[in-house]
């Protein structure tokens, strides 16, 4: 049983991917704007203790994980690895039916 995507399905999948990418870049932009502000606040209030490192590292790890979620599967395994794997499994099932 082959699954064919309609134009509407393709559009919905593409829209979801674009929304995920936009969300990642919005998060990255917020990070780039807020962290320097936190550094400035830290410098003015307590220059002896650099507490801005903690939110910078925590949020940075979050951004890396977000990037992996949005782009990671295409970076590690190629762009359409899910589609290829689904097709491989479906072809295998079809071949076993007819044997």
PDB file of N, CA and C in Angstrom:
ATOM      1  N   UNK A   1       0.843  -1.169   0.000  1.00  0.00           N
ATOM      2  CA  UNK A   1       0.000   0.000   0.000  1.00  0.00           C
ATOM      3  C   UNK A   1       0.893   1.239   0.000  1.00  0.00           C
ATOM      4  N   UNK A   2       0.900   1.944  -1.110  1.00  0.00           N
ATOM      5  CA  UNK A   2       1.700   3.153  -1.215  1.00  0.00           C
ATOM      6  C   UNK A   2       0.866   4.343  -0.780  1.00  0.00           C
ATOM      7  N   UNK A   3       1.532   5.261  -0.120  1.00  0.00           N
ATOM      8  CA  UNK A   3       0.840   6.458   0.328  1.00  0.00           C
ATOM      9  C   UNK A   3       1.230   7.609  -0.578  1.00  0.00           C
ATOM     10  N   UNK A   4       0.243   8.199  -1.189  1.00  0.00           N
ATOM     11  CA  UNK A   4       0.469   9.344  -2.044  1.00  0.00           C
ATOM     12  C   UNK A   4      -0.013  10.584  -1.315  1.00  0.00           C
ATOM     13  N   UNK A   5       0.821  11.589  -1.307  1.00  0.00           N
ATOM     14  CA  UNK A   5       0.460  12.831  -0.649  1.00  0.00           C
ATOM     15  C   UNK A   5      -0.274  13.728  -1.627  1.00  0.00           C
ATOM     16  N   UNK A   6      -1.385  14.252  -1.188  1.00  0.00           N
ATOM     17  CA  UNK A   6      -2.103  15.217  -2.002  1.00  0.00           C
ATOM     18  C   UNK A   6      -1.407  16.560  -1.886  1.00  0.00           C
ATOM     19  N   UNK A   7      -1.812  17.472  -2.735  1.00  0.00           N
ATOM     20  CA  UNK A   7      -1.225  18.807  -2.692  1.00  0.00           C
ATOM     21  C   UNK A   7      -1.513  19.476  -1.340  1.00  0.00           C
ATOM     22  N   UNK A   8      -2.696  19.202  -0.800  1.00  0.00           N
ATOM     23  CA  UNK A   8      -3.056  19.783   0.497  1.00  0.00           C
ATOM     24  C   UNK A   8      -2.160  19.235   1.612  1.00  0.00           C
ATOM     25  N   UNK A   9      -1.888  17.916   1.580  1.00  0.00           N
ATOM     26  CA  UNK A   9      -0.995  17.311   2.569  1.00  0.00           C
ATOM     27  C   UNK A   9       0.407  17.891   2.474  1.00  0.00           C
ATOM     28  N   UNK A  10       0.878  18.053   1.248  1.00  0.00           N
ATOM     29  CA  UNK A  10       2.209  18.623   1.043  1.00  0.00           C
ATOM     30  C   UNK A  10       2.266  20.051   1.566  1.00  0.00           C
ATOM     31  N   UNK A  11       1.209  20.806   1.316  1.00  0.00           N
ATOM     32  CA  UNK A  11       1.159  22.186   1.779  1.00  0.00           C
ATOM     33  C   UNK A  11       1.168  22.246   3.304  1.00  0.00           C
ATOM     34  N   UNK A  12       0.398  21.392   3.949  1.00  0.00           N
ATOM     35  CA  UNK A  12       0.332  21.383   5.417  1.00  0.00           C
ATOM     36  C   UNK A  12       1.684  21.019   6.015  1.00  0.00           C
ATOM     37  N   UNK A  13       2.354  20.007   5.443  1.00  0.00           N
ATOM     38  CA  UNK A  13       3.672  19.609   5.939  1.00  0.00           C
ATOM     39  C   UNK A  13       4.695  20.725   5.748  1.00  0.00           C
ATOM     40  N   UNK A  14       4.662  21.383   4.574  1.00  0.00           N
ATOM     41  CA  UNK A  14       5.598  22.478   4.300  1.00  0.00           C
ATOM     42  C   UNK A  14       5.332  23.654   5.230  1.00  0.00           C
ATOM     43  N   UNK A  15       4.053  23.972   5.474  1.00  0.00           N
ATOM     44  CA  UNK A  15       3.707  25.075   6.365  1.00  0.00           C
ATOM     45  C   UNK A  15       4.190  24.786   7.787  1.00  0.00           C
ATOM     46  N   UNK A  16       4.034  23.545   8.240  1.00  0.00           N
ATOM     47  CA  UNK A  16       4.495  23.179   9.580  1.00  0.00           C
ATOM     48  C   UNK A  16       6.017  23.324   9.682  1.00  0.00           C
ATOM     49  N   UNK A  17       6.724  22.905   8.651  1.00  0.00           N
ATOM     50  CA  UNK A  17       8.184  23.012   8.668  1.00  0.00           C
ATOM     51  C   UNK A  17       8.623  24.479   8.690  1.00  0.00           C
ATOM     52  N   UNK A  18       7.954  25.314   7.885  1.00  0.00           N
ATOM     53  CA  UNK A  18       8.283  26.742   7.859  1.00  0.00           C
ATOM     54  C   UNK A  18       7.993  27.376   9.215  1.00  0.00           C
ATOM     55  N   UNK A  19       6.886  26.998   9.844  1.00  0.00           N
ATOM     56  CA  UNK A  19       6.574  27.525  11.178  1.00  0.00           C
ATOM     57  C   UNK A  19       7.635  27.125  12.196  1.00  0.00           C
ATOM     58  N   UNK A  20       8.123  25.893  12.117  1.00  0.00           N
ATOM     59  CA  UNK A  20       9.190  25.443  13.022  1.00  0.00           C
ATOM     60  C   UNK A  20      10.475  26.231  12.800  1.00  0.00           C
ATOM     61  N   UNK A  21      10.809  26.486  11.552  1.00  0.00           N
ATOM     62  CA  UNK A  21      12.022  27.252  11.235  1.00  0.00           C
ATOM     63  C   UNK A  21      11.880  28.692  11.724  1.00  0.00           C
ATOM     64  N   UNK A  22      10.706  29.294  11.502  1.00  0.00           N
ATOM     65  CA  UNK A  22      10.470  30.658  11.985  1.00  0.00           C
ATOM     66  C   UNK A  22      10.580  30.721  13.506  1.00  0.00           C
ATOM     67  N   UNK A  23      10.046  29.727  14.184  1.00  0.00           N
ATOM     68  CA  UNK A  23      10.130  29.681  15.643  1.00  0.00           C
ATOM     69  C   UNK A  23      11.567  29.600  16.120  1.00  0.00           C
ATOM     70  N   UNK A  24      12.368  28.801  15.422  1.00  0.00           N
ATOM     71  CA  UNK A  24      13.779  28.693  15.800  1.00  0.00           C
ATOM     72  C   UNK A  24      14.495  30.036  15.642  1.00  0.00           C
ATOM     73  N   UNK A  25      14.295  30.689  14.500  1.00  0.00           N
ATOM     74  CA  UNK A  25      14.989  31.960  14.273  1.00  0.00           C
ATOM     75  C   UNK A  25      14.492  33.053  15.219  1.00  0.00           C
ATOM     76  N   UNK A  26      13.216  33.027  15.591  1.00  0.00           N
ATOM     77  CA  UNK A  26      12.712  33.993  16.574  1.00  0.00           C
ATOM     78  C   UNK A  26      13.382  33.758  17.925  1.00  0.00           C
ATOM     79  N   UNK A  27      13.533  32.505  18.304  1.00  0.00           N
ATOM     80  CA  UNK A  27      14.206  32.156  19.559  1.00  0.00           C
ATOM     81  C   UNK A  27      15.667  32.609  19.520  1.00  0.00           C
ATOM     82  N   UNK A  28      16.334  32.373  18.410  1.00  0.00           N
ATOM     83  CA  UNK A  28      17.733  32.777  18.263  1.00  0.00           C
ATOM     84  C   UNK A  28      17.881  34.298  18.326  1.00  0.00           C
ATOM     85  N   UNK A  29      16.972  35.023  17.676  1.00  0.00           N
ATOM     86  CA  UNK A  29      17.019  36.482  17.706  1.00  0.00           C
ATOM     87  C   UNK A  29      16.800  37.002  19.128  1.00  0.00           C
ATOM     88  N   UNK A  30      15.840  36.425  19.836  1.00  0.00           N
ATOM     89  CA  UNK A  30      15.595  36.833  21.225  1.00  0.00           C
ATOM     90  C   UNK A  30      16.828  36.583  22.080  1.00  0.00           C
ATOM     91  N   UNK A  31      17.480  35.448  21.871  1.00  0.00           N
ATOM     92  CA  UNK A  31      18.708  35.122  22.604  1.00  0.00           C
ATOM     93  C   UNK A  31      19.780  36.180  22.353  1.00  0.00           C
ATOM     94  N   UNK A  32      19.959  36.519  21.076  1.00  0.00           N
ATOM     95  CA  UNK A  32      20.998  37.496  20.720  1.00  0.00           C
ATOM     96  C   UNK A  32      20.698  38.892  21.249  1.00  0.00           C
ATOM     97  N   UNK A  33      19.451  39.199  21.503  1.00  0.00           N
ATOM     98  CA  UNK A  33      19.101  40.511  22.051  1.00  0.00           C
ATOM     99  C   UNK A  33      19.108  40.527  23.579  1.00  0.00           C
ATOM    100  N   UNK A  34      18.659  39.448  24.203  1.00  0.00           N
ATOM    101  CA  UNK A  34      18.506  39.435  25.658  1.00  0.00           C
ATOM    102  C   UNK A  34      19.831  39.191  26.372  1.00  0.00           C
ATOM    103  N   UNK A  35      20.662  38.312  25.876  1.00  0.00           N
ATOM    104  CA  UNK A  35      21.910  37.983  26.574  1.00  0.00           C
ATOM    105  C   UNK A  35      22.825  39.207  26.720  1.00  0.00           C
ATOM    106  N   UNK A  36      23.040  40.021  25.693  1.00  0.00           N
ATOM    107  CA  UNK A  36      23.846  41.233  25.922  1.00  0.00           C
ATOM    108  C   UNK A  36      23.209  42.190  26.946  1.00  0.00           C
ATOM    109  N   UNK A  37      21.875  42.257  26.947  1.00  0.00           N
ATOM    110  CA  UNK A  37      21.186  43.075  27.945  1.00  0.00           C
ATOM    111  C   UNK A  37      21.451  42.535  29.350  1.00  0.00           C
ATOM    112  N   UNK A  38      21.390  41.207  29.513  1.00  0.00           N
ATOM    113  CA  UNK A  38      21.681  40.605  30.814  1.00  0.00           C
ATOM    114  C   UNK A  38      23.128  40.867  31.233  1.00  0.00           C
ATOM    115  N   UNK A  39      24.039  40.810  30.270  1.00  0.00           N
ATOM    116  CA  UNK A  39      25.441  41.120  30.569  1.00  0.00           C
ATOM    117  C   UNK A  39      25.563  42.555  31.078  1.00  0.00           C
ATOM    118  N   UNK A  40      24.887  43.475  30.417  1.00  0.00           N
ATOM    119  CA  UNK A  40      24.925  44.879  30.816  1.00  0.00           C
ATOM    120  C   UNK A  40      24.356  45.062  32.223  1.00  0.00           C
ATOM    121  N   UNK A  41      23.224  44.427  32.506  1.00  0.00           N
ATOM    122  CA  UNK A  41      22.612  44.503  33.842  1.00  0.00           C
ATOM    123  C   UNK A  41      23.566  43.908  34.886  1.00  0.00           C
ATOM    124  N   UNK A  42      24.174  42.773  34.557  1.00  0.00           N
ATOM    125  CA  UNK A  42      25.125  42.138  35.469  1.00  0.00           C
ATOM    126  C   UNK A  42      26.317  43.045  35.733  1.00  0.00           C
ATOM    127  N   UNK A  43      26.822  43.680  34.698  1.00  0.00           N
ATOM    128  CA  UNK A  43      27.972  44.572  34.830  1.00  0.00           C
ATOM    129  C   UNK A  43      27.649  45.764  35.737  1.00  0.00           C
ATOM    130  N   UNK A  44      26.438  46.284  35.610  1.00  0.00           N
ATOM    131  CA  UNK A  44      26.048  47.445  36.431  1.00  0.00           C
ATOM    132  C   UNK A  44      25.756  47.076  37.879  1.00  0.00           C
ATOM    133  N   UNK A  45      25.136  45.925  38.107  1.00  0.00           N
ATOM    134  CA  UNK A  45      24.676  45.602  39.458  1.00  0.00           C
ATOM    135  C   UNK A  45      25.703  44.863  40.296  1.00  0.00           C
ATOM    136  N   UNK A  46      26.380  43.895  39.728  1.00  0.00           N
ATOM    137  CA  UNK A  46      27.356  43.127  40.519  1.00  0.00           C
ATOM    138  C   UNK A  46      28.519  42.701  39.625  1.00  0.00           C
ATOM    139  N   UNK A  47      29.451  43.624  39.388  1.00  0.00           N
ATOM    140  CA  UNK A  47      30.562  43.309  38.477  1.00  0.00           C
ATOM    141  C   UNK A  47      31.516  42.238  39.007  1.00  0.00           C
ATOM    142  N   UNK A  48      31.443  41.911  40.284  1.00  0.00           N
ATOM    143  CA  UNK A  48      32.345  40.900  40.840  1.00  0.00           C
ATOM    144  C   UNK A  48      31.893  39.472  40.578  1.00  0.00           C
ATOM    145  N   UNK A  49      30.621  39.294  40.331  1.00  0.00           N
ATOM    146  CA  UNK A  49      30.080  37.949  40.092  1.00  0.00           C
ATOM    147  C   UNK A  49      29.343  37.946  38.762  1.00  0.00           C
ATOM    148  N   UNK A  50      29.770  37.083  37.866  1.00  0.00           N
ATOM    149  CA  UNK A  50      29.198  37.045  36.523  1.00  0.00           C
ATOM    150  C   UNK A  50      28.078  36.007  36.446  1.00  0.00           C
ATOM    151  N   UNK A  51      26.873  36.397  36.898  1.00  0.00           N
ATOM    152  CA  UNK A  51      25.742  35.483  36.899  1.00  0.00           C
ATOM    153  C   UNK A  51      25.111  35.328  35.529  1.00  0.00           C
ATOM    154  N   UNK A  52      25.426  36.247  34.590  1.00  0.00           N
ATOM    155  CA  UNK A  52      24.804  36.173  33.268  1.00  0.00           C
ATOM    156  C   UNK A  52      25.194  34.896  32.516  1.00  0.00           C
ATOM    157  N   UNK A  53      26.296  34.228  32.951  1.00  0.00           N
ATOM    158  CA  UNK A  53      26.721  32.990  32.293  1.00  0.00           C
ATOM    159  C   UNK A  53      25.665  31.895  32.412  1.00  0.00           C
ATOM    160  N   UNK A  54      24.963  31.867  33.552  1.00  0.00           N
ATOM    161  CA  UNK A  54      23.994  30.786  33.790  1.00  0.00           C
ATOM    162  C   UNK A  54      22.820  30.844  32.816  1.00  0.00           C
ATOM    163  N   UNK A  55      22.143  31.987  32.670  1.00  0.00           N
ATOM    164  CA  UNK A  55      21.073  32.003  31.668  1.00  0.00           C
ATOM    165  C   UNK A  55      21.608  31.859  30.245  1.00  0.00           C
ATOM    166  N   UNK A  56      22.817  32.367  30.010  1.00  0.00           N
ATOM    167  CA  UNK A  56      23.395  32.246  28.676  1.00  0.00           C
ATOM    168  C   UNK A  56      23.625  30.778  28.318  1.00  0.00           C
ATOM    169  N   UNK A  57      24.159  30.003  29.254  1.00  0.00           N
ATOM    170  CA  UNK A  57      24.416  28.580  28.977  1.00  0.00           C
ATOM    171  C   UNK A  57      23.110  27.790  28.892  1.00  0.00           C
ATOM    172  N   UNK A  58      22.183  28.038  29.822  1.00  0.00           N
ATOM    173  CA  UNK A  58      20.924  27.298  29.811  1.00  0.00           C
ATOM    174  C   UNK A  58      20.115  27.549  28.552  1.00  0.00           C
ATOM    175  N   UNK A  59      19.982  28.815  28.200  1.00  0.00           N
ATOM    176  CA  UNK A  59      19.224  29.166  27.007  1.00  0.00           C
ATOM    177  C   UNK A  59      19.968  28.694  25.757  1.00  0.00           C
ATOM    178  N   UNK A  60      21.294  28.763  25.795  1.00  0.00           N
ATOM    179  CA  UNK A  60      22.095  28.286  24.658  1.00  0.00           C
ATOM    180  C   UNK A  60      21.896  26.799  24.407  1.00  0.00           C
ATOM    181  N   UNK A  61      21.851  26.013  25.472  1.00  0.00           N
ATOM    182  CA  UNK A  61      21.587  24.582  25.323  1.00  0.00           C
ATOM    183  C   UNK A  61      20.193  24.376  24.733  1.00  0.00           C
ATOM    184  N   UNK A  62      19.234  25.166  25.190  1.00  0.00           N
ATOM    185  CA  UNK A  62      17.884  25.089  24.636  1.00  0.00           C
ATOM    186  C   UNK A  62      17.853  25.403  23.153  1.00  0.00           C
ATOM    187  N   UNK A  63      18.628  26.397  22.730  1.00  0.00           N
ATOM    188  CA  UNK A  63      18.678  26.754  21.314  1.00  0.00           C
ATOM    189  C   UNK A  63      19.313  25.636  20.496  1.00  0.00           C
ATOM    190  N   UNK A  64      20.361  25.035  21.022  1.00  0.00           N
ATOM    191  CA  UNK A  64      20.999  23.919  20.311  1.00  0.00           C
ATOM    192  C   UNK A  64      20.019  22.761  20.150  1.00  0.00           C
ATOM    193  N   UNK A  65      19.278  22.447  21.202  1.00  0.00           N
ATOM    194  CA  UNK A  65      18.293  21.365  21.115  1.00  0.00           C
ATOM    195  C   UNK A  65      17.161  21.723  20.159  1.00  0.00           C
ATOM    196  N   UNK A  66      16.747  22.978  20.169  1.00  0.00           N
ATOM    197  CA  UNK A  66      15.720  23.434  19.241  1.00  0.00           C
ATOM    198  C   UNK A  66      16.221  23.326  17.796  1.00  0.00           C
ATOM    199  N   UNK A  67      17.466  23.729  17.563  1.00  0.00           N
ATOM    200  CA  UNK A  67      18.044  23.628  16.223  1.00  0.00           C
ATOM    201  C   UNK A  67      18.109  22.177  15.768  1.00  0.00           C
ATOM    202  N   UNK A  68      18.483  21.286  16.678  1.00  0.00           N
ATOM    203  CA  UNK A  68      18.536  19.871  16.312  1.00  0.00           C
ATOM    204  C   UNK A  68      17.149  19.350  15.985  1.00  0.00           C
ATOM    205  N   UNK A  69      16.147  19.804  16.732  1.00  0.00           N
ATOM    206  CA  UNK A  69      14.783  19.384  16.451  1.00  0.00           C
ATOM    207  C   UNK A  69      14.277  19.880  15.107  1.00  0.00           C
ATOM    208  N   UNK A  70      14.682  21.090  14.731  1.00  0.00           N
ATOM    209  CA  UNK A  70      14.221  21.670  13.474  1.00  0.00           C
ATOM    210  C   UNK A  70      15.066  21.198  12.295  1.00  0.00           C
ATOM    211  N   UNK A  71      16.385  21.210  12.446  1.00  0.00           N
ATOM    212  CA  UNK A  71      17.283  20.891  11.336  1.00  0.00           C
ATOM    213  C   UNK A  71      18.031  19.579  11.508  1.00  0.00           C
ATOM    214  N   UNK A  72      18.026  19.016  12.694  1.00  0.00           N
ATOM    215  CA  UNK A  72      18.905  17.900  13.035  1.00  0.00           C
ATOM    216  C   UNK A  72      18.762  16.670  12.184  1.00  0.00           C
ATOM    217  N   UNK A  73      17.536  16.246  11.920  1.00  0.00           N
ATOM    218  CA  UNK A  73      17.382  15.019  11.151  1.00  0.00           C
ATOM    219  C   UNK A  73      17.925  15.191   9.741  1.00  0.00           C
ATOM    220  N   UNK A  74      17.841  16.400   9.188  1.00  0.00           N
ATOM    221  CA  UNK A  74      18.380  16.602   7.847  1.00  0.00           C
ATOM    222  C   UNK A  74      19.901  16.727   7.876  1.00  0.00           C
ATOM    223  N   UNK A  75      20.449  17.205   8.987  1.00  0.00           N
ATOM    224  CA  UNK A  75      21.900  17.339   9.094  1.00  0.00           C
ATOM    225  C   UNK A  75      22.544  15.968   9.283  1.00  0.00           C
ATOM    226  N   UNK A  76      21.955  15.152  10.141  1.00  0.00           N
ATOM    227  CA  UNK A  76      22.551  13.870  10.489  1.00  0.00           C
ATOM    228  C   UNK A  76      22.287  12.803   9.435  1.00  0.00           C
ATOM    229  N   UNK A  77      21.045  12.684   9.003  1.00  0.00           N
ATOM    230  CA  UNK A  77      20.667  11.539   8.187  1.00  0.00           C
ATOM    231  C   UNK A  77      20.279  11.874   6.749  1.00  0.00           C
ATOM    232  N   UNK A  78      20.351  13.092   6.345  1.00  0.00           N
ATOM    233  CA  UNK A  78      19.908  13.470   5.014  1.00  0.00           C
ATOM    234  C   UNK A  78      18.504  14.026   5.074  1.00  0.00           C
ATOM    235  N   UNK A  79      18.099  14.702   4.028  1.00  0.00           N
ATOM    236  CA  UNK A  79      16.847  15.445   4.082  1.00  0.00           C
ATOM    237  C   UNK A  79      15.605  14.580   4.171  1.00  0.00           C
ATOM    238  N   UNK A  80      15.507  13.539   3.407  1.00  0.00           N
ATOM    239  CA  UNK A  80      14.264  12.771   3.354  1.00  0.00           C
ATOM    240  C   UNK A  80      14.434  11.370   3.906  1.00  0.00           C
ATOM    241  N   UNK A  81      15.148  11.214   4.994  1.00  0.00           N
ATOM    242  CA  UNK A  81      15.401   9.877   5.515  1.00  0.00           C
ATOM    243  C   UNK A  81      14.117   9.224   6.011  1.00  0.00           C
ATOM    244  N   UNK A  82      13.198  10.006   6.553  1.00  0.00           N
ATOM    245  CA  UNK A  82      11.943   9.418   7.031  1.00  0.00           C
ATOM    246  C   UNK A  82      11.149   8.839   5.871  1.00  0.00           C
ATOM    247  N   UNK A  83      11.066   9.593   4.787  1.00  0.00           N
ATOM    248  CA  UNK A  83      10.321   9.121   3.617  1.00  0.00           C
ATOM    249  C   UNK A  83      10.964   7.874   3.028  1.00  0.00           C
ATOM    250  N   UNK A  84      12.284   7.861   2.958  1.00  0.00           N
ATOM    251  CA  UNK A  84      12.978   6.683   2.405  1.00  0.00           C
ATOM    252  C   UNK A  84      12.754   5.460   3.286  1.00  0.00           C
ATOM    253  N   UNK A  85      12.802   5.647   4.606  1.00  0.00           N
ATOM    254  CA  UNK A  85      12.613   4.525   5.526  1.00  0.00           C
ATOM    255  C   UNK A  85      11.190   3.988   5.443  1.00  0.00           C
ATOM    256  N   UNK A  86      10.194   4.873   5.378  1.00  0.00           N
ATOM    257  CA  UNK A  86       8.803   4.442   5.238  1.00  0.00           C
ATOM    258  C   UNK A  86       8.625   3.658   3.942  1.00  0.00           C
ATOM    259  N   UNK A  87       9.194   4.175   2.861  1.00  0.00           N
ATOM    260  CA  UNK A  87       9.080   3.492   1.569  1.00  0.00           C
ATOM    261  C   UNK A  87       9.752   2.122   1.634  1.00  0.00           C
ATOM    262  N   UNK A  88      10.915   2.045   2.278  1.00  0.00           N
ATOM    263  CA  UNK A  88      11.629   0.768   2.407  1.00  0.00           C
ATOM    264  C   UNK A  88      10.795  -0.253   3.172  1.00  0.00           C
ATOM    265  N   UNK A  89      10.203   0.159   4.267  1.00  0.00           N
ATOM    266  CA  UNK A  89       9.393  -0.761   5.077  1.00  0.00           C
ATOM    267  C   UNK A  89       8.148  -1.189   4.316  1.00  0.00           C
ATOM    268  N   UNK A  90       7.511  -0.245   3.628  1.00  0.00           N
ATOM    269  CA  UNK A  90       6.313  -0.587   2.868  1.00  0.00           C
ATOM    270  C   UNK A  90       6.643  -1.530   1.718  1.00  0.00           C
ATOM    271  N   UNK A  91       7.758  -1.306   1.027  1.00  0.00           N
ATOM    272  CA  UNK A  91       8.173  -2.199  -0.052  1.00  0.00           C
ATOM    273  C   UNK A  91       8.470  -3.588   0.483  1.00  0.00           C
ATOM    274  N   UNK A  92       9.088  -3.645   1.652  1.00  0.00           N
ATOM    275  CA  UNK A  92       9.400  -4.934   2.274  1.00  0.00           C
ATOM    276  C   UNK A  92       8.110  -5.690   2.604  1.00  0.00           C
ATOM    277  N   UNK A  93       7.127  -4.976   3.163  1.00  0.00           N
ATOM    278  CA  UNK A  93       5.836  -5.599   3.465  1.00  0.00           C
ATOM    279  C   UNK A  93       5.144  -6.089   2.203  1.00  0.00           C
ATOM    280  N   UNK A  94       5.188  -5.295   1.141  1.00  0.00           N
ATOM    281  CA  UNK A  94       4.553  -5.698  -0.121  1.00  0.00           C
ATOM    282  C   UNK A  94       5.214  -6.939  -0.701  1.00  0.00           C
ATOM    283  N   UNK A  95       6.528  -7.027  -0.606  1.00  0.00           N
ATOM    284  CA  UNK A  95       7.258  -8.173  -1.132  1.00  0.00           C
ATOM    285  C   UNK A  95       6.941  -9.430  -0.340  1.00  0.00           C
ATOM    286  N   UNK A  96       6.748  -9.303   0.977  1.00  0.00           N
ATOM    287  CA  UNK A  96       6.441 -10.461   1.801  1.00  0.00           C
ATOM    288  C   UNK A  96       5.030 -10.963   1.550  1.00  0.00           C
ATOM    289  N   UNK A  97       4.105 -10.074   1.205  1.00  0.00           N
ATOM    290  CA  UNK A  97       2.728 -10.481   0.917  1.00  0.00           C
ATOM    291  C   UNK A  97       2.657 -11.411  -0.287  1.00  0.00           C
ATOM    292  N   UNK A  98       3.445 -11.110  -1.298  1.00  0.00           N
ATOM    293  CA  UNK A  98       3.361 -11.848  -2.549  1.00  0.00           C
ATOM    294  C   UNK A  98       4.210 -13.087  -2.580  1.00  0.00           C
ATOM    295  N   UNK A  99       4.967 -13.349  -1.559  1.00  0.00           N
ATOM    296  CA  UNK A  99       5.820 -14.553  -1.532  1.00  0.00           C
ATOM    297  C   UNK A  99       5.089 -15.719  -0.934  1.00  0.00           C
TER     298      UNK A  99
END
